[in-house]
């Protein structure tokens, strides 16, 4: 079984890899690197779409964008020699704190009812289920993306 969080981490890693390769596209004039970047972004978005069928879209997207932003900032500093200053560090810390707070605060769509945490109802994904999950109908009122 594959946890949706593991699939989400894979989506984040692929998106960060594609973004890291973006300068090599030379403005999308280099066909190989352009195809690699676009393919990476497409795969990352597809994995995110799989994940939001099994967890709250607000948490999944916050993690995907927040951790991806923090990771690519790190890549910029360590791989591309970008400057790391107090403003950048503060902004990254705020992103991470925001993601953590959102994750801790998120409850199921029955927020006014049982108050069950999203993570408590997050099923595991099998490898076959990842591929099949895009064709499954989303129950009405489930709070997950359609």
C-alpha atoms as a PDB file:
ATOM      1  CA  UNK A   1       0.000   0.000   0.000  1.00  0.00           C
ATOM      2  CA  UNK A   2       1.197   3.498  -0.857  1.00  0.00           C
ATOM      3  CA  UNK A   3       0.213   6.351   1.440  1.00  0.00           C
ATOM      4  CA  UNK A   4      -1.234   9.443  -0.281  1.00  0.00           C
ATOM      5  CA  UNK A   5       1.466  11.403   1.550  1.00  0.00           C
ATOM      6  CA  UNK A   6       4.152   9.326  -0.207  1.00  0.00           C
ATOM      7  CA  UNK A   7       2.492   9.987  -3.571  1.00  0.00           C
ATOM      8  CA  UNK A   8       2.320  13.684  -2.672  1.00  0.00           C
ATOM      9  CA  UNK A   9       6.029  13.721  -1.794  1.00  0.00           C
ATOM     10  CA  UNK A  10       6.753  12.101  -5.177  1.00  0.00           C
ATOM     11  CA  UNK A  11       4.664  14.815  -6.894  1.00  0.00           C
ATOM     12  CA  UNK A  12       6.601  17.496  -5.012  1.00  0.00           C
ATOM     13  CA  UNK A  13       9.954  15.928  -5.880  1.00  0.00           C
ATOM     14  CA  UNK A  14       9.066  15.632  -9.564  1.00  0.00           C
ATOM     15  CA  UNK A  15       7.842  19.241  -9.671  1.00  0.00           C
ATOM     16  CA  UNK A  16      11.029  20.461  -7.980  1.00  0.00           C
ATOM     17  CA  UNK A  17      13.112  18.426 -10.438  1.00  0.00           C
ATOM     18  CA  UNK A  18      11.230  19.899 -13.401  1.00  0.00           C
ATOM     19  CA  UNK A  19      11.618  23.418 -12.029  1.00  0.00           C
ATOM     20  CA  UNK A  20      15.337  22.816 -11.450  1.00  0.00           C
ATOM     21  CA  UNK A  21      15.676  21.815 -15.121  1.00  0.00           C
ATOM     22  CA  UNK A  22      13.703  24.862 -16.331  1.00  0.00           C
ATOM     23  CA  UNK A  23      16.765  27.087 -17.009  1.00  0.00           C
ATOM     24  CA  UNK A  24      18.175  24.373 -19.308  1.00  0.00           C
ATOM     25  CA  UNK A  25      15.205  24.754 -21.669  1.00  0.00           C
ATOM     26  CA  UNK A  26      16.690  28.089 -22.846  1.00  0.00           C
ATOM     27  CA  UNK A  27      13.208  29.616 -23.056  1.00  0.00           C
ATOM     28  CA  UNK A  28      11.790  26.321 -24.398  1.00  0.00           C
ATOM     29  CA  UNK A  29      14.187  26.346 -27.353  1.00  0.00           C
ATOM     30  CA  UNK A  30      15.961  23.145 -26.280  1.00  0.00           C
ATOM     31  CA  UNK A  31      13.552  20.358 -27.228  1.00  0.00           C
ATOM     32  CA  UNK A  32      14.946  17.671 -24.892  1.00  0.00           C
ATOM     33  CA  UNK A  33      14.929  19.805 -21.740  1.00  0.00           C
ATOM     34  CA  UNK A  34      11.603  21.381 -22.670  1.00  0.00           C
ATOM     35  CA  UNK A  35       9.984  17.958 -23.027  1.00  0.00           C
ATOM     36  CA  UNK A  36      11.545  16.846 -19.735  1.00  0.00           C
ATOM     37  CA  UNK A  37      10.246  19.919 -17.892  1.00  0.00           C
ATOM     38  CA  UNK A  38       6.746  19.748 -19.380  1.00  0.00           C
ATOM     39  CA  UNK A  39       6.571  15.995 -18.773  1.00  0.00           C
ATOM     40  CA  UNK A  40       7.692  16.497 -15.184  1.00  0.00           C
ATOM     41  CA  UNK A  41       5.070  19.157 -14.576  1.00  0.00           C
ATOM     42  CA  UNK A  42       2.369  16.989 -16.174  1.00  0.00           C
ATOM     43  CA  UNK A  43       3.326  13.957 -14.062  1.00  0.00           C
ATOM     44  CA  UNK A  44       3.445  16.072 -10.910  1.00  0.00           C
ATOM     45  CA  UNK A  45      -0.018  17.532 -11.541  1.00  0.00           C
ATOM     46  CA  UNK A  46      -1.402  14.056 -12.336  1.00  0.00           C
ATOM     47  CA  UNK A  47      -0.029  12.709  -9.047  1.00  0.00           C
ATOM     48  CA  UNK A  48      -1.517  15.705  -7.227  1.00  0.00           C
ATOM     49  CA  UNK A  49      -4.876  14.914  -8.856  1.00  0.00           C
ATOM     50  CA  UNK A  50      -4.598  11.338  -7.571  1.00  0.00           C
ATOM     51  CA  UNK A  51      -3.758  12.582  -4.071  1.00  0.00           C
ATOM     52  CA  UNK A  52      -6.704  14.999  -3.796  1.00  0.00           C
ATOM     53  CA  UNK A  53      -9.052  12.078  -4.292  1.00  0.00           C
ATOM     54  CA  UNK A  54      -7.807  10.750  -0.952  1.00  0.00           C
ATOM     55  CA  UNK A  55      -7.125  13.854   1.144  1.00  0.00           C
ATOM     56  CA  UNK A  56      -8.360  17.398   1.455  1.00  0.00           C
ATOM     57  CA  UNK A  57      -7.439  19.493  -1.578  1.00  0.00           C
ATOM     58  CA  UNK A  58      -6.540  22.438   0.666  1.00  0.00           C
ATOM     59  CA  UNK A  59      -3.976  20.406   2.590  1.00  0.00           C
ATOM     60  CA  UNK A  60      -2.627  18.577  -0.473  1.00  0.00           C
ATOM     61  CA  UNK A  61      -2.158  21.784  -2.445  1.00  0.00           C
ATOM     62  CA  UNK A  62      -0.715  23.673   0.529  1.00  0.00           C
ATOM     63  CA  UNK A  63       1.843  20.908   1.049  1.00  0.00           C
ATOM     64  CA  UNK A  64       2.580  20.608  -2.681  1.00  0.00           C
ATOM     65  CA  UNK A  65       3.064  24.321  -3.233  1.00  0.00           C
ATOM     66  CA  UNK A  66       4.629  25.184   0.142  1.00  0.00           C
ATOM     67  CA  UNK A  67       7.139  22.355   0.323  1.00  0.00           C
ATOM     68  CA  UNK A  68       7.866  22.710  -3.389  1.00  0.00           C
ATOM     69  CA  UNK A  69       8.548  26.422  -2.949  1.00  0.00           C
ATOM     70  CA  UNK A  70      10.826  25.796   0.018  1.00  0.00           C
ATOM     71  CA  UNK A  71      12.650  22.996  -1.809  1.00  0.00           C
ATOM     72  CA  UNK A  72      13.216  25.007  -4.984  1.00  0.00           C
ATOM     73  CA  UNK A  73      14.477  27.925  -2.874  1.00  0.00           C
ATOM     74  CA  UNK A  74      17.018  25.520  -1.392  1.00  0.00           C
ATOM     75  CA  UNK A  75      17.963  24.302  -4.864  1.00  0.00           C
ATOM     76  CA  UNK A  76      18.411  27.920  -5.947  1.00  0.00           C
ATOM     77  CA  UNK A  77      20.787  28.599  -3.071  1.00  0.00           C
ATOM     78  CA  UNK A  78      22.806  25.367  -3.223  1.00  0.00           C
ATOM     79  CA  UNK A  79      22.768  24.545  -6.958  1.00  0.00           C
ATOM     80  CA  UNK A  80      22.494  27.955  -8.596  1.00  0.00           C
ATOM     81  CA  UNK A  81      24.336  30.123  -6.074  1.00  0.00           C
ATOM     82  CA  UNK A  82      21.357  32.357  -5.288  1.00  0.00           C
ATOM     83  CA  UNK A  83      21.682  34.589  -2.259  1.00  0.00           C
ATOM     84  CA  UNK A  84      20.042  33.530   0.999  1.00  0.00           C
ATOM     85  CA  UNK A  85      19.130  36.515   3.160  1.00  0.00           C
ATOM     86  CA  UNK A  86      16.962  37.167   6.202  1.00  0.00           C
ATOM     87  CA  UNK A  87      13.897  38.073   4.139  1.00  0.00           C
ATOM     88  CA  UNK A  88      14.079  34.831   2.129  1.00  0.00           C
ATOM     89  CA  UNK A  89      14.616  32.720   5.254  1.00  0.00           C
ATOM     90  CA  UNK A  90      11.730  34.455   7.058  1.00  0.00           C
ATOM     91  CA  UNK A  91       9.412  33.946   4.083  1.00  0.00           C
ATOM     92  CA  UNK A  92      10.307  30.245   3.862  1.00  0.00           C
ATOM     93  CA  UNK A  93       9.752  29.775   7.601  1.00  0.00           C
ATOM     94  CA  UNK A  94       6.342  31.460   7.287  1.00  0.00           C
ATOM     95  CA  UNK A  95       5.415  29.128   4.406  1.00  0.00           C
ATOM     96  CA  UNK A  96       6.390  26.060   6.410  1.00  0.00           C
ATOM     97  CA  UNK A  97       4.578  27.286   9.537  1.00  0.00           C
ATOM     98  CA  UNK A  98       1.494  28.024   7.441  1.00  0.00           C
ATOM     99  CA  UNK A  99       1.487  24.535   5.947  1.00  0.00           C
ATOM    100  CA  UNK A 100       1.894  22.949   9.385  1.00  0.00           C
ATOM    101  CA  UNK A 101      -0.912  25.056  10.897  1.00  0.00           C
ATOM    102  CA  UNK A 102      -3.234  24.315   7.980  1.00  0.00           C
ATOM    103  CA  UNK A 103      -2.499  20.599   8.266  1.00  0.00           C
ATOM    104  CA  UNK A 104      -3.132  20.585  12.009  1.00  0.00           C
ATOM    105  CA  UNK A 105      -6.328  22.618  11.645  1.00  0.00           C
ATOM    106  CA  UNK A 106      -7.907  20.730   8.742  1.00  0.00           C
ATOM    107  CA  UNK A 107     -10.869  18.563   9.606  1.00  0.00           C
ATOM    108  CA  UNK A 108     -13.214  16.475   7.505  1.00  0.00           C
ATOM    109  CA  UNK A 109     -16.111  18.101   5.572  1.00  0.00           C
ATOM    110  CA  UNK A 110     -18.355  17.266   8.535  1.00  0.00           C
ATOM    111  CA  UNK A 111     -16.517  19.993  10.479  1.00  0.00           C
ATOM    112  CA  UNK A 112     -19.695  20.810  12.351  1.00  0.00           C
ATOM    113  CA  UNK A 113     -20.355  17.141  13.062  1.00  0.00           C
ATOM    114  CA  UNK A 114     -17.862  14.526  14.161  1.00  0.00           C
ATOM    115  CA  UNK A 115     -14.744  16.656  13.708  1.00  0.00           C
ATOM    116  CA  UNK A 116     -12.732  13.691  12.410  1.00  0.00           C
ATOM    117  CA  UNK A 117      -9.329  14.748  11.108  1.00  0.00           C
ATOM    118  CA  UNK A 118      -8.678  14.382   7.380  1.00  0.00           C
ATOM    119  CA  UNK A 119      -5.629  12.220   8.088  1.00  0.00           C
ATOM    120  CA  UNK A 120      -7.807   9.796  10.068  1.00  0.00           C
ATOM    121  CA  UNK A 121      -9.895   9.042   6.982  1.00  0.00           C
ATOM    122  CA  UNK A 122      -7.057   8.992   4.447  1.00  0.00           C
ATOM    123  CA  UNK A 123      -6.877   5.511   2.855  1.00  0.00           C
ATOM    124  CA  UNK A 124      -3.694   3.890   1.668  1.00  0.00           C
ATOM    125  CA  UNK A 125      -3.116   3.672  -2.087  1.00  0.00           C
ATOM    126  CA  UNK A 126      -1.958   0.540  -3.861  1.00  0.00           C
ATOM    127  CA  UNK A 127       0.157   0.950  -6.984  1.00  0.00           C
ATOM    128  CA  UNK A 128      -2.798  -0.111  -9.153  1.00  0.00           C
ATOM    129  CA  UNK A 129      -5.135   2.157  -7.245  1.00  0.00           C
ATOM    130  CA  UNK A 130      -3.010   5.214  -8.060  1.00  0.00           C
ATOM    131  CA  UNK A 131      -3.635   4.666 -11.773  1.00  0.00           C
ATOM    132  CA  UNK A 132      -7.271   3.681 -11.316  1.00  0.00           C
ATOM    133  CA  UNK A 133      -8.187   6.506  -8.948  1.00  0.00           C
ATOM    134  CA  UNK A 134      -8.589   9.106 -11.678  1.00  0.00           C
ATOM    135  CA  UNK A 135     -11.528   7.209 -13.146  1.00  0.00           C
ATOM    136  CA  UNK A 136     -13.360   6.677  -9.847  1.00  0.00           C
ATOM    137  CA  UNK A 137     -16.380   8.872  -9.179  1.00  0.00           C
ATOM    138  CA  UNK A 138     -16.131  11.277  -6.269  1.00  0.00           C
ATOM    139  CA  UNK A 139     -19.047  10.954  -3.840  1.00  0.00           C
ATOM    140  CA  UNK A 140     -21.192  14.084  -3.536  1.00  0.00           C
ATOM    141  CA  UNK A 141     -20.394  16.050  -0.406  1.00  0.00           C
ATOM    142  CA  UNK A 142     -17.098  14.240   0.127  1.00  0.00           C
ATOM    143  CA  UNK A 143     -15.121  17.479   0.228  1.00  0.00           C
ATOM    144  CA  UNK A 144     -12.704  16.121  -2.361  1.00  0.00           C
ATOM    145  CA  UNK A 145     -12.125  17.573  -5.814  1.00  0.00           C
ATOM    146  CA  UNK A 146     -14.438  16.324  -8.559  1.00  0.00           C
END
